[in-house]
Amino acid sequence: MIFSNSKKQLTKRQFAILEYIIKYVQSRMYQPNMKEIAEEFEISISGAYNHLIVISSKGWIEIGDNQKRRIEISAEAIALVNGELDQKEWVKE
């Protein structure tokens, strides 16, 4: 996957979803599906998908077509969640 070099700021909610996905993958070794993301954040499945589209448009992940667990995570996203990038710079207050 080719990720955008220019990342855009995330909202707190978008960051929380990104963090959930990364920690889910780190603990289970596979990605959450849309239903699991929706249930975690008490939103609809389409709401979860819409959040992923926006996070993808901001350059942090890539989502695949027609595959329930197809989310590619950028190295920068992992660094952000792990505290290696300044969250104040990348997550809107």
N, C-alpha and C. Protein backbone atom coordinates (compact mmCIF):
# COMPACT_ATOMS: atom_id res chain seq x y z
N MET A 1 0.83 -1.19 0.00
CA MET A 1 0.00 0.00 0.00
C MET A 1 0.87 1.25 0.00
N ILE A 2 0.40 2.24 -0.69
CA ILE A 2 1.09 3.52 -0.72
C ILE A 2 0.25 4.51 0.08
N PHE A 3 0.83 5.05 1.13
CA PHE A 3 0.13 6.00 1.97
C PHE A 3 0.53 7.42 1.58
N SER A 4 -0.37 8.32 1.81
CA SER A 4 -0.11 9.73 1.55
C SER A 4 1.01 10.21 2.46
N ASN A 5 1.93 10.97 1.91
CA ASN A 5 3.00 11.55 2.72
C ASN A 5 2.49 12.69 3.59
N SER A 6 1.40 13.30 3.17
CA SER A 6 0.87 14.42 3.94
C SER A 6 -0.32 13.95 4.77
N LYS A 7 -0.07 13.78 6.03
CA LYS A 7 -1.12 13.37 6.96
C LYS A 7 -1.89 14.59 7.42
N LYS A 8 -3.17 14.39 7.69
CA LYS A 8 -4.01 15.47 8.21
C LYS A 8 -4.43 15.13 9.63
N GLN A 9 -4.72 16.17 10.39
CA GLN A 9 -5.11 15.98 11.78
C GLN A 9 -6.37 15.14 11.91
N LEU A 10 -6.41 14.37 12.98
CA LEU A 10 -7.57 13.56 13.32
C LEU A 10 -8.37 14.23 14.42
N THR A 11 -9.68 13.98 14.44
CA THR A 11 -10.48 14.39 15.60
C THR A 11 -10.20 13.39 16.72
N LYS A 12 -10.62 13.71 17.92
CA LYS A 12 -10.43 12.78 19.04
C LYS A 12 -11.13 11.45 18.76
N ARG A 13 -12.32 11.51 18.18
CA ARG A 13 -13.08 10.30 17.87
C ARG A 13 -12.35 9.45 16.82
N GLN A 14 -11.84 10.10 15.78
CA GLN A 14 -11.10 9.38 14.74
C GLN A 14 -9.85 8.74 15.33
N PHE A 15 -9.17 9.48 16.19
CA PHE A 15 -7.98 8.92 16.84
C PHE A 15 -8.36 7.71 17.70
N ALA A 16 -9.46 7.81 18.44
CA ALA A 16 -9.91 6.70 19.28
C ALA A 16 -10.18 5.45 18.44
N ILE A 17 -10.79 5.63 17.28
CA ILE A 17 -11.07 4.50 16.39
C ILE A 17 -9.76 3.93 15.85
N LEU A 18 -8.87 4.79 15.43
CA LEU A 18 -7.56 4.34 14.94
C LEU A 18 -6.82 3.58 16.03
N GLU A 19 -6.82 4.11 17.24
CA GLU A 19 -6.16 3.46 18.37
C GLU A 19 -6.78 2.09 18.65
N TYR A 20 -8.10 2.02 18.62
CA TYR A 20 -8.80 0.75 18.84
C TYR A 20 -8.36 -0.29 17.81
N ILE A 21 -8.32 0.10 16.55
CA ILE A 21 -7.95 -0.83 15.48
C ILE A 21 -6.52 -1.35 15.69
N ILE A 22 -5.61 -0.43 15.98
CA ILE A 22 -4.20 -0.82 16.14
C ILE A 22 -4.03 -1.74 17.36
N LYS A 23 -4.64 -1.39 18.47
CA LYS A 23 -4.51 -2.22 19.67
C LYS A 23 -5.20 -3.57 19.48
N TYR A 24 -6.30 -3.59 18.73
CA TYR A 24 -7.00 -4.83 18.42
C TYR A 24 -6.08 -5.75 17.63
N VAL A 25 -5.44 -5.19 16.60
CA VAL A 25 -4.52 -5.98 15.77
C VAL A 25 -3.33 -6.47 16.60
N GLN A 26 -2.79 -5.61 17.43
CA GLN A 26 -1.64 -5.99 18.24
C GLN A 26 -1.97 -7.12 19.22
N SER A 27 -3.18 -7.15 19.72
CA SER A 27 -3.53 -8.18 20.70
C SER A 27 -4.07 -9.47 20.06
N ARG A 28 -4.71 -9.35 18.89
CA ARG A 28 -5.34 -10.53 18.29
C ARG A 28 -4.68 -11.02 17.01
N MET A 29 -3.83 -10.20 16.43
CA MET A 29 -3.11 -10.53 15.20
C MET A 29 -4.02 -10.58 13.96
N TYR A 30 -5.20 -10.02 14.05
CA TYR A 30 -6.07 -9.82 12.90
C TYR A 30 -6.90 -8.57 13.16
N GLN A 31 -7.52 -8.05 12.13
CA GLN A 31 -8.21 -6.77 12.23
C GLN A 31 -9.66 -6.93 12.66
N PRO A 32 -10.20 -5.91 13.32
CA PRO A 32 -11.62 -5.95 13.66
C PRO A 32 -12.45 -5.76 12.39
N ASN A 33 -13.65 -6.31 12.39
CA ASN A 33 -14.54 -6.04 11.26
C ASN A 33 -15.39 -4.81 11.60
N MET A 34 -16.18 -4.37 10.65
CA MET A 34 -16.98 -3.15 10.84
C MET A 34 -17.96 -3.29 12.00
N LYS A 35 -18.54 -4.48 12.16
CA LYS A 35 -19.49 -4.69 13.25
C LYS A 35 -18.80 -4.52 14.60
N GLU A 36 -17.59 -5.04 14.74
CA GLU A 36 -16.86 -4.93 16.00
C GLU A 36 -16.50 -3.47 16.29
N ILE A 37 -16.09 -2.74 15.27
CA ILE A 37 -15.79 -1.31 15.45
C ILE A 37 -17.06 -0.57 15.85
N ALA A 38 -18.14 -0.85 15.15
CA ALA A 38 -19.43 -0.19 15.44
C ALA A 38 -19.87 -0.46 16.88
N GLU A 39 -19.77 -1.71 17.31
CA GLU A 39 -20.19 -2.06 18.66
C GLU A 39 -19.31 -1.39 19.71
N GLU A 40 -18.01 -1.33 19.46
CA GLU A 40 -17.09 -0.70 20.42
C GLU A 40 -17.43 0.78 20.64
N PHE A 41 -17.84 1.46 19.57
CA PHE A 41 -18.09 2.90 19.66
C PHE A 41 -19.58 3.25 19.67
N GLU A 42 -20.42 2.21 19.77
CA GLU A 42 -21.87 2.39 19.84
C GLU A 42 -22.39 3.26 18.69
N ILE A 43 -21.96 2.90 17.49
CA ILE A 43 -22.40 3.56 16.27
C ILE A 43 -22.87 2.50 15.28
N SER A 44 -23.48 2.94 14.21
CA SER A 44 -23.92 2.00 13.18
C SER A 44 -22.72 1.47 12.39
N ILE A 45 -22.93 0.38 11.69
CA ILE A 45 -21.87 -0.17 10.85
C ILE A 45 -21.51 0.83 9.76
N SER A 46 -22.50 1.49 9.18
CA SER A 46 -22.20 2.50 8.15
C SER A 46 -21.46 3.68 8.77
N GLY A 47 -21.77 4.01 10.02
CA GLY A 47 -21.04 5.07 10.71
C GLY A 47 -19.58 4.71 10.91
N ALA A 48 -19.34 3.45 11.28
CA ALA A 48 -17.96 2.97 11.44
C ALA A 48 -17.22 3.04 10.12
N TYR A 49 -17.87 2.59 9.06
CA TYR A 49 -17.26 2.62 7.73
C TYR A 49 -16.95 4.06 7.31
N ASN A 50 -17.88 4.96 7.57
CA ASN A 50 -17.66 6.37 7.22
C ASN A 50 -16.46 6.95 7.97
N HIS A 51 -16.32 6.59 9.23
CA HIS A 51 -15.15 7.05 9.99
C HIS A 51 -13.86 6.53 9.34
N LEU A 52 -13.86 5.27 8.92
CA LEU A 52 -12.66 4.70 8.29
C LEU A 52 -12.35 5.39 6.96
N ILE A 53 -13.38 5.75 6.21
CA ILE A 53 -13.16 6.47 4.96
C ILE A 53 -12.47 7.81 5.23
N VAL A 54 -12.94 8.51 6.25
CA VAL A 54 -12.34 9.82 6.59
C VAL A 54 -10.90 9.64 7.09
N ILE A 55 -10.67 8.66 7.96
CA ILE A 55 -9.32 8.41 8.46
C ILE A 55 -8.40 8.05 7.29
N SER A 56 -8.92 7.28 6.35
CA SER A 56 -8.15 6.94 5.15
C SER A 56 -7.86 8.18 4.31
N SER A 57 -8.85 9.05 4.15
CA SER A 57 -8.65 10.26 3.35
C SER A 57 -7.61 11.19 3.97
N LYS A 58 -7.39 11.03 5.27
CA LYS A 58 -6.39 11.84 5.97
C LYS A 58 -5.01 11.19 5.95
N GLY A 59 -4.90 10.01 5.31
CA GLY A 59 -3.60 9.39 5.08
C GLY A 59 -3.10 8.42 6.14
N TRP A 60 -3.91 8.07 7.13
CA TRP A 60 -3.45 7.23 8.23
C TRP A 60 -3.65 5.74 7.98
N ILE A 61 -4.66 5.39 7.20
CA ILE A 61 -4.93 3.98 6.87
C ILE A 61 -5.36 3.89 5.41
N GLU A 62 -5.40 2.67 4.92
CA GLU A 62 -6.00 2.37 3.62
C GLU A 62 -7.01 1.27 3.87
N ILE A 63 -8.18 1.40 3.27
CA ILE A 63 -9.18 0.35 3.43
C ILE A 63 -9.42 -0.31 2.09
N GLY A 64 -9.59 -1.62 2.12
CA GLY A 64 -9.79 -2.39 0.91
C GLY A 64 -11.25 -2.49 0.52
N ASP A 65 -11.49 -2.74 -0.73
CA ASP A 65 -12.85 -2.91 -1.23
C ASP A 65 -13.32 -4.33 -1.00
N ASN A 66 -14.56 -4.47 -0.56
CA ASN A 66 -15.24 -5.76 -0.47
C ASN A 66 -14.54 -6.78 0.42
N GLN A 67 -13.79 -6.34 1.38
CA GLN A 67 -13.16 -7.26 2.32
C GLN A 67 -13.41 -6.75 3.73
N LYS A 68 -14.06 -7.54 4.53
CA LYS A 68 -14.49 -7.10 5.86
C LYS A 68 -13.35 -6.69 6.78
N ARG A 69 -12.23 -7.35 6.65
CA ARG A 69 -11.11 -7.07 7.57
C ARG A 69 -9.90 -6.52 6.84
N ARG A 70 -10.11 -5.75 5.82
CA ARG A 70 -9.00 -5.24 5.00
C ARG A 70 -8.70 -3.80 5.35
N ILE A 71 -7.85 -3.59 6.35
CA ILE A 71 -7.42 -2.26 6.75
C ILE A 71 -5.90 -2.28 6.82
N GLU A 72 -5.25 -1.47 5.99
CA GLU A 72 -3.79 -1.33 6.04
C GLU A 72 -3.47 -0.12 6.91
N ILE A 73 -2.60 -0.31 7.87
CA ILE A 73 -2.28 0.75 8.83
C ILE A 73 -0.89 1.30 8.51
N SER A 74 -0.77 2.62 8.42
CA SER A 74 0.52 3.23 8.13
C SER A 74 1.44 3.15 9.34
N ALA A 75 2.73 3.17 9.08
CA ALA A 75 3.72 3.17 10.15
C ALA A 75 3.54 4.40 11.04
N GLU A 76 3.17 5.52 10.43
CA GLU A 76 2.96 6.75 11.21
C GLU A 76 1.78 6.60 12.16
N ALA A 77 0.74 5.88 11.74
CA ALA A 77 -0.41 5.66 12.62
C ALA A 77 0.00 4.86 13.84
N ILE A 78 0.79 3.84 13.62
CA ILE A 78 1.28 3.03 14.74
C ILE A 78 2.15 3.88 15.66
N ALA A 79 3.02 4.70 15.07
CA ALA A 79 3.88 5.59 15.87
C ALA A 79 3.03 6.58 16.67
N LEU A 80 1.97 7.10 16.08
CA LEU A 80 1.10 8.04 16.78
C LEU A 80 0.43 7.37 17.98
N VAL A 81 -0.12 6.20 17.76
CA VAL A 81 -0.80 5.47 18.84
C VAL A 81 0.19 5.05 19.93
N ASN A 82 1.39 4.69 19.54
CA ASN A 82 2.40 4.27 20.51
C ASN A 82 3.11 5.43 21.20
N GLY A 83 2.71 6.67 20.88
CA GLY A 83 3.28 7.83 21.53
C GLY A 83 4.60 8.30 20.95
N GLU A 84 4.97 7.79 19.79
CA GLU A 84 6.23 8.19 19.16
C GLU A 84 6.08 9.46 18.33
N LEU A 85 4.85 9.85 18.03
CA LEU A 85 4.54 11.13 17.40
C LEU A 85 3.74 11.95 18.39
N ASP A 86 3.88 13.26 18.32
CA ASP A 86 3.20 14.16 19.25
C ASP A 86 1.71 14.22 18.95
N GLN A 87 0.91 13.68 19.86
CA GLN A 87 -0.54 13.68 19.66
C GLN A 87 -1.11 15.10 19.60
N LYS A 88 -0.50 16.04 20.29
CA LYS A 88 -0.99 17.42 20.26
C LYS A 88 -0.92 18.00 18.85
N GLU A 89 0.03 17.53 18.07
CA GLU A 89 0.19 18.01 16.71
C GLU A 89 -0.81 17.34 15.76
N TRP A 90 -1.17 16.09 16.04
CA TRP A 90 -1.95 15.30 15.08
C TRP A 90 -3.40 15.03 15.49
N VAL A 91 -3.77 15.34 16.73
CA VAL A 91 -5.14 15.11 17.18
C VAL A 91 -5.72 16.43 17.64
N LYS A 92 -6.82 16.83 17.00
CA LYS A 92 -7.47 18.10 17.33
C LYS A 92 -8.07 18.04 18.73
N GLU A 93 -7.95 19.13 19.44
CA GLU A 93 -8.55 19.23 20.78
C GLU A 93 -10.02 19.48 20.71
